[in-house]
Amino acid sequence: MSKPISFQTVIEYVEALSNEEQDLLLELISKRRIEKRRQEIATNAAQTLKAIRTGTAHYGTLEDLQADLLSEE
Protein backbone atom coordinates (compact mmCIF):
# COMPACT_ATOMS: atom_id res chain seq x y z
CA MET A 1 0.00 0.00 0.00
CA SER A 2 1.36 3.43 -0.91
CA LYS A 3 2.04 6.12 1.66
CA PRO A 4 -0.60 8.88 1.71
CA ILE A 5 0.49 12.28 0.38
CA SER A 6 0.03 15.23 2.72
CA PHE A 7 -2.41 17.96 1.78
CA GLN A 8 0.43 20.50 1.72
CA THR A 9 2.34 18.35 -0.77
CA VAL A 10 -0.71 18.17 -3.01
CA ILE A 11 -1.01 21.97 -2.89
CA GLU A 12 2.64 22.31 -3.87
CA TYR A 13 2.17 19.91 -6.79
CA VAL A 14 -0.87 21.85 -7.99
CA GLU A 15 0.98 25.15 -7.73
CA ALA A 16 3.75 23.67 -9.90
CA LEU A 17 1.26 23.07 -12.73
CA SER A 18 0.70 25.60 -15.48
CA ASN A 19 -2.41 27.79 -15.31
CA GLU A 20 -4.02 25.69 -18.05
CA GLU A 21 -3.29 22.46 -16.18
CA GLN A 22 -4.67 23.94 -12.96
CA ASP A 23 -7.86 24.97 -14.78
CA LEU A 24 -8.19 21.49 -16.25
CA LEU A 25 -7.63 19.92 -12.82
CA LEU A 26 -10.31 22.12 -11.26
CA GLU A 27 -12.76 21.19 -14.01
CA LEU A 28 -11.96 17.49 -13.61
CA ILE A 29 -12.37 17.60 -9.83
CA SER A 30 -15.67 19.46 -10.18
CA LYS A 31 -17.04 16.95 -12.68
CA ARG A 32 -15.97 13.99 -10.52
CA ARG A 33 -17.60 15.50 -7.43
CA ILE A 34 -20.81 16.05 -9.38
CA GLU A 35 -20.76 12.45 -10.62
CA LYS A 36 -20.09 11.14 -7.11
CA ARG A 37 -23.05 13.13 -5.76
CA ARG A 38 -25.26 11.80 -8.57
CA GLN A 39 -24.28 8.27 -7.60
CA GLU A 40 -25.12 8.98 -3.95
CA ILE A 41 -28.53 10.35 -4.96
CA ALA A 42 -29.18 7.32 -7.17
CA THR A 43 -28.26 4.97 -4.32
CA ASN A 44 -30.54 6.83 -1.90
CA ALA A 45 -33.36 6.74 -4.45
CA ALA A 46 -32.95 3.00 -4.95
CA GLN A 47 -33.01 2.43 -1.18
CA THR A 48 -36.12 4.59 -0.85
CA LEU A 49 -37.91 2.75 -3.65
CA LYS A 50 -37.00 -0.58 -2.06
CA ALA A 51 -38.36 0.60 1.30
CA ILE A 52 -41.60 1.67 -0.38
CA ARG A 53 -41.93 -1.67 -2.22
CA THR A 54 -41.24 -3.70 0.93
CA GLY A 55 -43.51 -1.55 3.08
CA THR A 56 -40.76 -0.43 5.42
CA ALA A 57 -40.92 3.24 4.43
CA HIS A 58 -42.33 5.61 7.04
CA TYR A 59 -44.79 8.34 6.16
CA GLY A 60 -45.98 11.28 8.18
CA THR A 61 -45.72 14.92 9.04
CA LEU A 62 -42.72 16.78 10.39
CA GLU A 63 -44.20 16.39 13.86
CA ASP A 64 -44.41 12.61 13.31
CA LEU A 65 -40.75 12.56 12.30
CA GLN A 66 -39.71 14.60 15.32
CA ALA A 67 -41.68 12.34 17.65
CA ASP A 68 -40.16 9.25 16.04
CA LEU A 69 -36.63 10.62 16.33
CA LEU A 70 -37.12 11.68 19.94
CA SER A 71 -38.54 8.28 20.90
CA GLU A 72 -35.37 6.58 19.60
CA GLU A 73 -33.13 8.49 22.04
C-alpha atoms as a PDB file:
ATOM      1  CA  MET A   1       0.000   0.000   0.000  1.00  0.00           C
ATOM      2  CA  SER A   2       1.360   3.426  -0.909  1.00  0.00           C
ATOM      3  CA  LYS A   3       2.042   6.115   1.657  1.00  0.00           C
ATOM      4  CA  PRO A   4      -0.601   8.884   1.712  1.00  0.00           C
ATOM      5  CA  ILE A   5       0.495  12.276   0.382  1.00  0.00           C
ATOM      6  CA  SER A   6       0.033  15.235   2.719  1.00  0.00           C
ATOM      7  CA  PHE A   7      -2.412  17.962   1.781  1.00  0.00           C
ATOM      8  CA  GLN A   8       0.428  20.502   1.722  1.00  0.00           C
ATOM      9  CA  THR A   9       2.341  18.350  -0.772  1.00  0.00           C
ATOM     10  CA  VAL A  10      -0.713  18.167  -3.012  1.00  0.00           C
ATOM     11  CA  ILE A  11      -1.006  21.971  -2.895  1.00  0.00           C
ATOM     12  CA  GLU A  12       2.641  22.307  -3.868  1.00  0.00           C
ATOM     13  CA  TYR A  13       2.174  19.909  -6.792  1.00  0.00           C
ATOM     14  CA  VAL A  14      -0.868  21.847  -7.991  1.00  0.00           C
ATOM     15  CA  GLU A  15       0.979  25.148  -7.731  1.00  0.00           C
ATOM     16  CA  ALA A  16       3.745  23.675  -9.895  1.00  0.00           C
ATOM     17  CA  LEU A  17       1.257  23.070 -12.730  1.00  0.00           C
ATOM     18  CA  SER A  18       0.699  25.600 -15.477  1.00  0.00           C
ATOM     19  CA  ASN A  19      -2.410  27.788 -15.314  1.00  0.00           C
ATOM     20  CA  GLU A  20      -4.021  25.693 -18.046  1.00  0.00           C
ATOM     21  CA  GLU A  21      -3.289  22.461 -16.183  1.00  0.00           C
ATOM     22  CA  GLN A  22      -4.670  23.942 -12.956  1.00  0.00           C
ATOM     23  CA  ASP A  23      -7.860  24.966 -14.780  1.00  0.00           C
ATOM     24  CA  LEU A  24      -8.191  21.490 -16.248  1.00  0.00           C
ATOM     25  CA  LEU A  25      -7.628  19.921 -12.820  1.00  0.00           C
ATOM     26  CA  LEU A  26     -10.312  22.123 -11.256  1.00  0.00           C
ATOM     27  CA  GLU A  27     -12.761  21.190 -14.006  1.00  0.00           C
ATOM     28  CA  LEU A  28     -11.956  17.493 -13.612  1.00  0.00           C
ATOM     29  CA  ILE A  29     -12.372  17.597  -9.831  1.00  0.00           C
ATOM     30  CA  SER A  30     -15.669  19.455 -10.176  1.00  0.00           C
ATOM     31  CA  LYS A  31     -17.039  16.945 -12.677  1.00  0.00           C
ATOM     32  CA  ARG A  32     -15.968  13.992 -10.525  1.00  0.00           C
ATOM     33  CA  ARG A  33     -17.599  15.502  -7.429  1.00  0.00           C
ATOM     34  CA  ILE A  34     -20.812  16.052  -9.383  1.00  0.00           C
ATOM     35  CA  GLU A  35     -20.764  12.455 -10.621  1.00  0.00           C
ATOM     36  CA  LYS A  36     -20.087  11.139  -7.111  1.00  0.00           C
ATOM     37  CA  ARG A  37     -23.047  13.133  -5.762  1.00  0.00           C
ATOM     38  CA  ARG A  38     -25.261  11.804  -8.574  1.00  0.00           C
ATOM     39  CA  GLN A  39     -24.284   8.270  -7.601  1.00  0.00           C
ATOM     40  CA  GLU A  40     -25.117   8.984  -3.948  1.00  0.00           C
ATOM     41  CA  ILE A  41     -28.527  10.354  -4.962  1.00  0.00           C
ATOM     42  CA  ALA A  42     -29.181   7.318  -7.173  1.00  0.00           C
ATOM     43  CA  THR A  43     -28.258   4.973  -4.323  1.00  0.00           C
ATOM     44  CA  ASN A  44     -30.540   6.828  -1.904  1.00  0.00           C
ATOM     45  CA  ALA A  45     -33.365   6.743  -4.446  1.00  0.00           C
ATOM     46  CA  ALA A  46     -32.945   2.996  -4.949  1.00  0.00           C
ATOM     47  CA  GLN A  47     -33.008   2.430  -1.180  1.00  0.00           C
ATOM     48  CA  THR A  48     -36.118   4.588  -0.849  1.00  0.00           C
ATOM     49  CA  LEU A  49     -37.914   2.755  -3.652  1.00  0.00           C
ATOM     50  CA  LYS A  50     -36.997  -0.580  -2.058  1.00  0.00           C
ATOM     51  CA  ALA A  51     -38.358   0.600   1.300  1.00  0.00           C
ATOM     52  CA  ILE A  52     -41.597   1.667  -0.382  1.00  0.00           C
ATOM     53  CA  ARG A  53     -41.931  -1.670  -2.215  1.00  0.00           C
ATOM     54  CA  THR A  54     -41.237  -3.703   0.926  1.00  0.00           C
ATOM     55  CA  GLY A  55     -43.506  -1.551   3.078  1.00  0.00           C
ATOM     56  CA  THR A  56     -40.759  -0.434   5.425  1.00  0.00           C
ATOM     57  CA  ALA A  57     -40.920   3.240   4.429  1.00  0.00           C
ATOM     58  CA  HIS A  58     -42.327   5.606   7.040  1.00  0.00           C
ATOM     59  CA  TYR A  59     -44.790   8.342   6.161  1.00  0.00           C
ATOM     60  CA  GLY A  60     -45.981  11.283   8.185  1.00  0.00           C
ATOM     61  CA  THR A  61     -45.720  14.922   9.043  1.00  0.00           C
ATOM     62  CA  LEU A  62     -42.724  16.782  10.393  1.00  0.00           C
ATOM     63  CA  GLU A  63     -44.198  16.389  13.861  1.00  0.00           C
ATOM     64  CA  ASP A  64     -44.415  12.605  13.309  1.00  0.00           C
ATOM     65  CA  LEU A  65     -40.750  12.558  12.301  1.00  0.00           C
ATOM     66  CA  GLN A  66     -39.713  14.597  15.323  1.00  0.00           C
ATOM     67  CA  ALA A  67     -41.679  12.335  17.653  1.00  0.00           C
ATOM     68  CA  ASP A  68     -40.157   9.247  16.039  1.00  0.00           C
ATOM     69  CA  LEU A  69     -36.629  10.621  16.334  1.00  0.00           C
ATOM     70  CA  LEU A  70     -37.115  11.682  19.943  1.00  0.00           C
ATOM     71  CA  SER A  71     -38.540   8.282  20.895  1.00  0.00           C
ATOM     72  CA  GLU A  72     -35.372   6.585  19.599  1.00  0.00           C
ATOM     73  CA  GLU A  73     -33.129   8.493  22.040  1.00  0.00           C
END
